[in-house]
Amino acid sequence: STIPPTHDTRAELHLRLLAVGIPVVVCKPHRHRDGCKPECQQELSPPSGWSRITAKQARAGIAAYRPGTDTLAMVGGHGIDVLDIDAKAGGDLAMVPEALQHWGRTRTPSGGWHVPVPSTGYGKGDLFIEGVYQGDYVGGTALGGARLLCFLPGSTRPKYPGGGYVEERPWDVPALVTTEPPALLLDLCRAS
């Protein structure tokens, strides 16, 4: 099944990812229930078992996607990781070396960026560049642990009404999944 096109002409990034074996899941708006604590801040609910899902299993779940309501997310650590530059927390795209930006870039509704990079085998964590906090590292370990989700272009989130994820520089999916992580990226992961 296919997802209806949105205003973003490159919203099919999820299809390009699925085609090379990278899981993409549908996150539904979180429904606060009796089990939620009063301070619950959860905005979205990914499907059960999302961190262990395969691309084949994920493909079946895509049919449930509701544009404008649900959010598409790539599971990190399957060949593509992401530098999640959080501008609202002081992250600065200018601090990301250009050599790590040539595979693509997505603008986030909070004013930040998602920069895709080849998977390193490092799991999720805080991202520091030159000792300065920039946001999150969306990855996954070689054994499949410490995964994180990256929201994709064409999606919206309840937290940012009227805003969406826009692919500013198209993701070079074939190059990302066939490129070894450069030493610069591995050094950045070790430093973080």
Protein backbone atom coordinates (compact mmCIF):
# COMPACT_ATOMS: atom_id res chain seq x y z
CA SER A 1 0.00 0.00 0.00
CA THR A 2 1.10 3.56 -0.54
CA ILE A 3 0.68 6.69 1.50
CA PRO A 4 -1.24 9.55 -0.08
CA PRO A 5 1.09 12.34 -1.21
CA THR A 6 1.41 15.37 1.06
CA HIS A 7 2.53 18.93 0.36
CA ASP A 8 6.14 17.70 0.56
CA THR A 9 7.05 16.27 -2.84
CA ARG A 10 9.74 14.07 -1.26
CA ALA A 11 7.46 12.55 1.40
CA GLU A 12 8.29 9.14 -0.05
CA LEU A 13 11.53 8.96 1.95
CA HIS A 14 9.86 6.25 4.02
CA LEU A 15 9.48 4.12 0.88
CA ARG A 16 13.14 4.61 -0.07
CA LEU A 17 14.15 3.54 3.45
CA LEU A 18 11.90 0.48 3.47
CA ALA A 19 13.24 -0.52 0.03
CA VAL A 20 16.78 -0.88 1.42
CA GLY A 21 15.70 -2.73 4.57
CA ILE A 22 15.40 0.09 7.08
CA PRO A 23 12.31 -0.12 9.30
CA VAL A 24 9.88 2.80 9.33
CA VAL A 25 7.08 2.77 11.89
CA VAL A 26 3.83 4.65 12.39
CA CYS A 27 3.64 6.54 15.69
CA LYS A 28 0.11 7.32 16.88
CA PRO A 29 -0.85 10.25 19.12
CA HIS A 30 -0.45 9.10 22.73
CA ARG A 31 -3.73 8.53 24.54
CA HIS A 32 -3.37 9.34 28.21
CA ARG A 33 -5.04 6.57 30.15
CA ASP A 34 -5.50 5.55 33.75
CA GLY A 35 -2.00 4.03 33.72
CA CYS A 36 -0.37 7.39 32.88
CA LYS A 37 1.11 9.40 35.69
CA PRO A 38 -0.19 12.99 36.01
CA GLU A 39 3.20 14.29 34.82
CA CYS A 40 3.14 12.12 31.67
CA GLN A 41 4.59 14.17 28.80
CA GLN A 42 4.43 11.45 26.15
CA GLU A 43 3.26 12.87 22.84
CA LEU A 44 3.44 9.87 20.50
CA SER A 45 3.21 6.10 20.89
CA PRO A 46 5.30 3.91 18.59
CA PRO A 47 4.09 0.38 17.90
CA SER A 48 4.90 -2.31 20.42
CA GLY A 49 8.30 -3.89 19.72
CA TRP A 50 9.40 -1.05 17.43
CA SER A 51 13.09 -1.39 18.38
CA ARG A 52 13.17 -5.01 17.14
CA ILE A 53 10.90 -4.64 14.10
CA THR A 54 12.19 -5.62 10.66
CA ALA A 55 11.58 -3.64 7.47
CA LYS A 56 9.28 -6.41 6.24
CA GLN A 57 7.17 -6.22 9.41
CA ALA A 58 7.23 -2.41 9.30
CA ARG A 59 6.03 -2.38 5.69
CA ALA A 60 2.80 -4.11 6.76
CA GLY A 61 2.17 -1.47 9.45
CA ILE A 62 2.52 1.48 7.06
CA ALA A 63 -1.01 0.89 5.75
CA ALA A 64 -2.33 2.21 9.08
CA TYR A 65 -0.68 5.62 8.57
CA ARG A 66 -3.07 8.60 8.76
CA PRO A 67 -1.43 11.73 7.27
CA GLY A 68 -1.90 14.78 9.45
CA THR A 69 -2.61 12.62 12.52
CA ASP A 70 0.17 10.04 12.75
CA THR A 71 3.93 10.48 12.51
CA LEU A 72 6.33 8.34 10.46
CA ALA A 73 9.63 7.43 12.12
CA MET A 74 12.76 5.61 10.97
CA VAL A 75 14.31 3.16 13.42
CA GLY A 76 17.98 4.08 13.88
CA GLY A 77 20.88 1.65 13.70
CA HIS A 78 19.84 -0.30 10.60
CA GLY A 79 22.29 1.26 8.14
CA ILE A 80 21.42 4.91 8.70
CA ASP A 81 21.84 6.90 11.90
CA VAL A 82 20.95 10.55 12.45
CA LEU A 83 22.52 13.58 14.07
CA ASP A 84 19.49 15.29 15.62
CA ILE A 85 20.51 18.93 15.99
CA ASP A 86 18.19 20.52 18.56
CA ALA A 87 18.16 24.28 17.92
CA LYS A 88 15.77 24.98 20.82
CA ALA A 89 18.42 23.52 23.19
CA GLY A 90 21.25 25.50 21.59
CA GLY A 91 22.21 23.06 18.82
CA ASP A 92 23.82 24.70 15.80
CA LEU A 93 23.95 23.15 12.31
CA ALA A 94 27.05 25.24 11.58
CA MET A 95 28.96 23.09 14.10
CA VAL A 96 28.28 19.92 12.09
CA PRO A 97 31.18 19.44 9.67
CA GLU A 98 30.07 19.76 6.03
CA ALA A 99 31.67 16.38 5.37
CA LEU A 100 28.89 14.84 7.52
CA GLN A 101 26.08 16.80 5.85
CA HIS A 102 26.45 15.70 2.25
CA TRP A 103 24.11 12.68 2.62
CA GLY A 104 21.04 14.89 3.23
CA ARG A 105 19.26 17.11 5.72
CA THR A 106 15.75 17.50 7.13
CA ARG A 107 14.39 20.64 8.80
CA THR A 108 12.32 19.89 11.90
CA PRO A 109 9.21 21.79 13.04
CA SER A 110 11.06 22.93 16.19
CA GLY A 111 13.68 24.73 14.07
CA GLY A 112 16.35 22.01 14.26
CA TRP A 113 17.75 19.55 11.74
CA HIS A 114 18.11 15.83 11.17
CA VAL A 115 21.37 14.99 9.42
CA PRO A 116 21.53 11.36 8.20
CA VAL A 117 24.86 9.55 8.48
CA PRO A 118 26.00 5.95 7.91
CA SER A 119 25.36 3.67 10.91
CA THR A 120 28.29 3.49 13.30
CA GLY A 121 27.25 0.72 15.70
CA TYR A 122 26.92 3.29 18.48
CA GLY A 123 23.57 3.47 20.25
CA LYS A 124 21.43 6.47 21.11
CA GLY A 125 22.96 9.18 23.22
CA ASP A 126 23.65 12.83 23.68
CA LEU A 127 25.47 14.45 20.77
CA PHE A 128 28.43 16.69 21.51
CA ILE A 129 30.51 18.48 18.88
CA GLU A 130 33.68 20.19 20.10
CA GLY A 131 32.42 19.61 23.64
CA VAL A 132 29.14 21.48 23.06
CA TYR A 133 25.77 19.73 23.42
CA GLN A 134 23.96 19.68 20.05
CA GLY A 135 21.04 17.25 20.55
CA ASP A 136 20.73 13.49 20.17
CA TYR A 137 22.52 10.74 18.31
CA VAL A 138 19.92 8.42 16.76
CA GLY A 139 21.61 5.06 16.31
CA GLY A 140 21.64 1.47 17.47
CA THR A 141 24.26 -0.99 18.61
CA ALA A 142 25.54 -3.89 16.52
CA LEU A 143 23.44 -6.26 18.67
CA GLY A 144 20.29 -4.19 18.09
CA GLY A 145 20.07 -2.29 21.36
CA ALA A 146 19.95 1.40 22.26
CA ARG A 147 17.84 2.35 19.24
CA LEU A 148 16.08 5.67 18.81
CA LEU A 149 13.44 6.92 16.38
CA CYS A 150 13.88 9.71 13.84
CA PHE A 151 10.70 11.43 12.62
CA LEU A 152 10.53 11.71 8.84
CA PRO A 153 9.68 14.33 6.20
CA GLY A 154 6.02 14.50 5.27
CA SER A 155 5.05 13.92 8.92
CA THR A 156 3.58 16.28 11.46
CA ARG A 157 3.44 16.06 15.26
CA PRO A 158 0.76 17.16 17.74
CA LYS A 159 3.41 19.15 19.64
CA TYR A 160 3.99 21.40 16.60
CA PRO A 161 0.61 22.12 14.97
CA GLY A 162 0.97 23.49 11.47
CA GLY A 163 4.64 22.49 11.27
CA GLY A 164 6.16 19.50 9.58
CA TYR A 165 9.41 17.80 8.68
CA VAL A 166 10.83 18.97 5.36
CA GLU A 167 13.63 17.31 3.40
CA GLU A 168 15.84 20.35 2.68
CA ARG A 169 18.59 18.28 1.10
CA PRO A 170 17.41 14.88 -0.22
CA TRP A 171 18.70 11.88 1.70
CA ASP A 172 21.08 9.84 -0.44
CA VAL A 173 19.76 6.52 0.88
CA PRO A 174 21.84 4.24 -1.43
CA ALA A 175 25.08 6.02 -0.47
CA LEU A 176 24.21 6.06 3.23
CA VAL A 177 23.69 2.30 3.45
CA THR A 178 26.79 1.42 1.41
CA THR A 179 29.27 3.87 2.94
CA GLU A 180 31.46 2.95 5.89
CA PRO A 181 31.19 5.54 8.66
CA PRO A 182 34.04 8.03 8.23
CA ALA A 183 36.66 8.45 10.95
CA LEU A 184 35.30 11.95 11.64
CA LEU A 185 31.89 10.48 12.53
CA LEU A 186 33.37 7.70 14.67
CA ASP A 187 35.48 10.29 16.53
CA LEU A 188 32.36 12.37 17.13
CA CYS A 189 30.52 9.30 18.52
CA ARG A 190 33.43 8.42 20.82
CA ALA A 191 33.57 12.02 22.08
CA SER A 192 29.85 11.96 22.82
